[in-house]
C-alpha cells in the first residue's frame, strides 16, 4: 500500500510495527536499513498530515473570530 493512501492512524501503526522490528536483536542488518528508510518516509508523511490539520484548524478558528 502506498503511504499517501494511509490514514494518520494507519501510518502510526506501521511506525509502531517498524519500531518493534528495529528493537528486535534478531532483525537482519539489511532489513534494518530498509525499515529505517520506510520509517523516515512515514514520519515525514505524518508530519505533513499534522501540519495540514493544524492549518485547517487555524483557518477555521480565524473564521470564527
N, C-alpha and C. Protein backbone atom coordinates (compact mmCIF):
# COMPACT_ATOMS: atom_id res chain seq x y z
N UNK A 1 0.84 -1.18 0.00
CA UNK A 1 0.00 0.00 0.00
C UNK A 1 0.89 1.25 0.00
N UNK A 2 0.51 2.22 -0.81
CA UNK A 2 1.25 3.48 -0.89
C UNK A 2 1.03 4.28 0.39
N UNK A 3 2.07 4.95 0.84
CA UNK A 3 1.99 5.75 2.06
C UNK A 3 0.89 6.80 1.94
N UNK A 4 0.77 7.43 0.76
CA UNK A 4 -0.20 8.50 0.57
C UNK A 4 -1.63 8.04 0.78
N UNK A 5 -1.87 6.75 0.67
CA UNK A 5 -3.22 6.21 0.84
C UNK A 5 -3.54 5.85 2.29
N UNK A 6 -2.57 6.00 3.17
CA UNK A 6 -2.77 5.65 4.58
C UNK A 6 -3.40 6.80 5.34
N UNK A 7 -4.21 6.46 6.32
CA UNK A 7 -4.67 7.47 7.27
C UNK A 7 -3.53 7.72 8.25
N UNK A 8 -3.65 8.78 9.03
CA UNK A 8 -2.63 9.08 10.03
C UNK A 8 -2.51 7.91 11.00
N UNK A 9 -3.65 7.38 11.41
CA UNK A 9 -3.66 6.27 12.38
C UNK A 9 -2.97 5.04 11.80
N UNK A 10 -3.24 4.73 10.54
CA UNK A 10 -2.60 3.57 9.90
C UNK A 10 -1.09 3.77 9.78
N UNK A 11 -0.68 4.98 9.45
CA UNK A 11 0.76 5.26 9.33
C UNK A 11 1.44 5.11 10.69
N UNK A 12 0.79 5.57 11.74
CA UNK A 12 1.36 5.44 13.08
C UNK A 12 1.46 3.96 13.50
N UNK A 13 0.47 3.17 13.12
CA UNK A 13 0.52 1.73 13.43
C UNK A 13 1.70 1.08 12.70
N UNK A 14 1.92 1.48 11.44
CA UNK A 14 3.06 0.94 10.70
C UNK A 14 4.37 1.35 11.36
N UNK A 15 4.44 2.59 11.84
CA UNK A 15 5.65 3.04 12.54
C UNK A 15 5.88 2.23 13.81
N UNK A 16 4.82 1.95 14.54
CA UNK A 16 4.95 1.14 15.76
C UNK A 16 5.44 -0.26 15.42
N UNK A 17 4.93 -0.82 14.34
CA UNK A 17 5.35 -2.15 13.90
C UNK A 17 6.83 -2.15 13.51
N UNK A 18 7.23 -1.11 12.80
CA UNK A 18 8.64 -0.99 12.41
C UNK A 18 9.52 -0.88 13.65
N UNK A 19 9.09 -0.09 14.61
CA UNK A 19 9.86 0.09 15.84
C UNK A 19 10.08 -1.24 16.55
N UNK A 20 9.04 -2.07 16.59
CA UNK A 20 9.17 -3.39 17.22
C UNK A 20 10.23 -4.22 16.51
N UNK A 21 10.23 -4.16 15.17
CA UNK A 21 11.21 -4.93 14.40
C UNK A 21 12.62 -4.38 14.61
N UNK A 22 12.74 -3.06 14.66
CA UNK A 22 14.05 -2.43 14.86
C UNK A 22 14.62 -2.80 16.22
N UNK A 23 13.76 -2.87 17.22
CA UNK A 23 14.21 -3.20 18.57
C UNK A 23 14.53 -4.68 18.75
N UNK A 24 14.10 -5.50 17.81
CA UNK A 24 14.35 -6.94 17.88
C UNK A 24 15.80 -7.22 17.47
N UNK A 25 16.60 -7.80 18.36
CA UNK A 25 18.01 -8.05 18.04
C UNK A 25 18.20 -9.08 16.92
N UNK A 26 17.16 -9.81 16.57
CA UNK A 26 17.28 -10.82 15.52
C UNK A 26 17.00 -10.25 14.13
N UNK A 27 16.63 -8.98 14.05
CA UNK A 27 16.36 -8.37 12.76
C UNK A 27 17.66 -8.25 11.97
N UNK A 28 17.62 -8.72 10.74
CA UNK A 28 18.77 -8.71 9.84
C UNK A 28 19.21 -7.27 9.54
N UNK A 29 20.49 -7.05 9.42
CA UNK A 29 21.03 -5.72 9.18
C UNK A 29 20.50 -5.11 7.89
N UNK A 30 20.38 -5.91 6.82
CA UNK A 30 19.86 -5.40 5.55
C UNK A 30 18.40 -4.98 5.70
N UNK A 31 17.64 -5.78 6.44
CA UNK A 31 16.23 -5.45 6.68
C UNK A 31 16.13 -4.19 7.53
N UNK A 32 17.04 -4.05 8.47
CA UNK A 32 17.06 -2.89 9.36
C UNK A 32 17.17 -1.60 8.56
N UNK A 33 18.04 -1.58 7.58
CA UNK A 33 18.22 -0.40 6.75
C UNK A 33 16.93 -0.03 6.02
N UNK A 34 16.27 -1.01 5.42
CA UNK A 34 15.04 -0.71 4.70
C UNK A 34 13.92 -0.28 5.66
N UNK A 35 13.91 -0.85 6.86
CA UNK A 35 12.92 -0.45 7.86
C UNK A 35 13.12 1.00 8.28
N UNK A 36 14.37 1.39 8.47
CA UNK A 36 14.68 2.77 8.85
C UNK A 36 14.28 3.74 7.74
N UNK A 37 14.53 3.36 6.50
CA UNK A 37 14.15 4.22 5.37
C UNK A 37 12.63 4.37 5.30
N UNK A 38 11.91 3.27 5.48
CA UNK A 38 10.45 3.32 5.46
C UNK A 38 9.93 4.17 6.62
N UNK A 39 10.53 4.01 7.78
CA UNK A 39 10.12 4.79 8.94
C UNK A 39 10.31 6.29 8.68
N UNK A 40 11.39 6.65 8.04
CA UNK A 40 11.64 8.05 7.72
C UNK A 40 10.55 8.62 6.81
N UNK A 41 10.16 7.85 5.81
CA UNK A 41 9.09 8.28 4.90
C UNK A 41 7.77 8.42 5.65
N UNK A 42 7.49 7.46 6.52
CA UNK A 42 6.25 7.51 7.30
C UNK A 42 6.23 8.71 8.25
N UNK A 43 7.37 9.01 8.86
CA UNK A 43 7.44 10.15 9.77
C UNK A 43 7.22 11.47 9.02
N UNK A 44 7.80 11.59 7.83
CA UNK A 44 7.58 12.79 7.02
C UNK A 44 6.11 12.92 6.64
N UNK A 45 5.50 11.81 6.27
CA UNK A 45 4.09 11.80 5.89
C UNK A 45 3.22 12.23 7.07
N UNK A 46 3.48 11.68 8.25
CA UNK A 46 2.71 12.02 9.44
C UNK A 46 2.90 13.48 9.82
N UNK A 47 4.11 13.96 9.70
CA UNK A 47 4.40 15.37 9.99
C UNK A 47 3.60 16.27 9.06
N UNK A 48 3.55 15.92 7.79
CA UNK A 48 2.78 16.69 6.82
C UNK A 48 1.29 16.68 7.14
N UNK A 49 0.78 15.51 7.53
CA UNK A 49 -0.64 15.41 7.90
C UNK A 49 -0.94 16.30 9.09
N UNK A 50 -0.06 16.30 10.09
CA UNK A 50 -0.26 17.12 11.28
C UNK A 50 -0.22 18.61 10.93
N UNK A 51 0.72 19.01 10.10
CA UNK A 51 0.82 20.42 9.70
C UNK A 51 -0.41 20.85 8.92
N UNK A 52 -0.88 20.00 8.02
CA UNK A 52 -2.06 20.29 7.23
C UNK A 52 -3.29 20.44 8.13
N UNK A 53 -3.42 19.55 9.09
CA UNK A 53 -4.54 19.61 10.02
C UNK A 53 -4.47 20.88 10.86
N UNK A 54 -3.28 21.23 11.32
CA UNK A 54 -3.10 22.45 12.12
C UNK A 54 -3.52 23.68 11.32
N UNK A 55 -3.13 23.74 10.04
CA UNK A 55 -3.50 24.86 9.19
C UNK A 55 -5.01 24.96 9.04
N UNK A 56 -5.67 23.82 8.83
CA UNK A 56 -7.13 23.82 8.68
C UNK A 56 -7.81 24.27 9.96
N UNK A 57 -7.31 23.83 11.10
CA UNK A 57 -7.88 24.24 12.39
C UNK A 57 -7.70 25.74 12.58
N UNK A 58 -6.52 26.25 12.29
CA UNK A 58 -6.26 27.68 12.44
C UNK A 58 -7.17 28.51 11.53
N UNK A 59 -7.38 28.06 10.30
CA UNK A 59 -8.27 28.77 9.37
C UNK A 59 -9.70 28.76 9.89
N UNK A 60 -10.13 27.63 10.44
CA UNK A 60 -11.49 27.54 10.99
C UNK A 60 -11.65 28.47 12.19
N UNK A 61 -10.64 28.55 13.03
CA UNK A 61 -10.68 29.44 14.20
C UNK A 61 -10.72 30.90 13.75
N UNK A 62 -9.93 31.23 12.72
CA UNK A 62 -9.92 32.61 12.21
C UNK A 62 -11.29 33.01 11.68
N UNK A 63 -11.99 32.08 11.05
CA UNK A 63 -13.32 32.37 10.52
C UNK A 63 -14.31 32.65 11.65
N UNK A 64 -14.09 32.04 12.79
CA UNK A 64 -14.99 32.24 13.93
C UNK A 64 -14.78 33.60 14.60
N UNK A 65 -13.60 34.16 14.44
CA UNK A 65 -13.29 35.45 15.09
C UNK A 65 -13.79 36.62 14.30
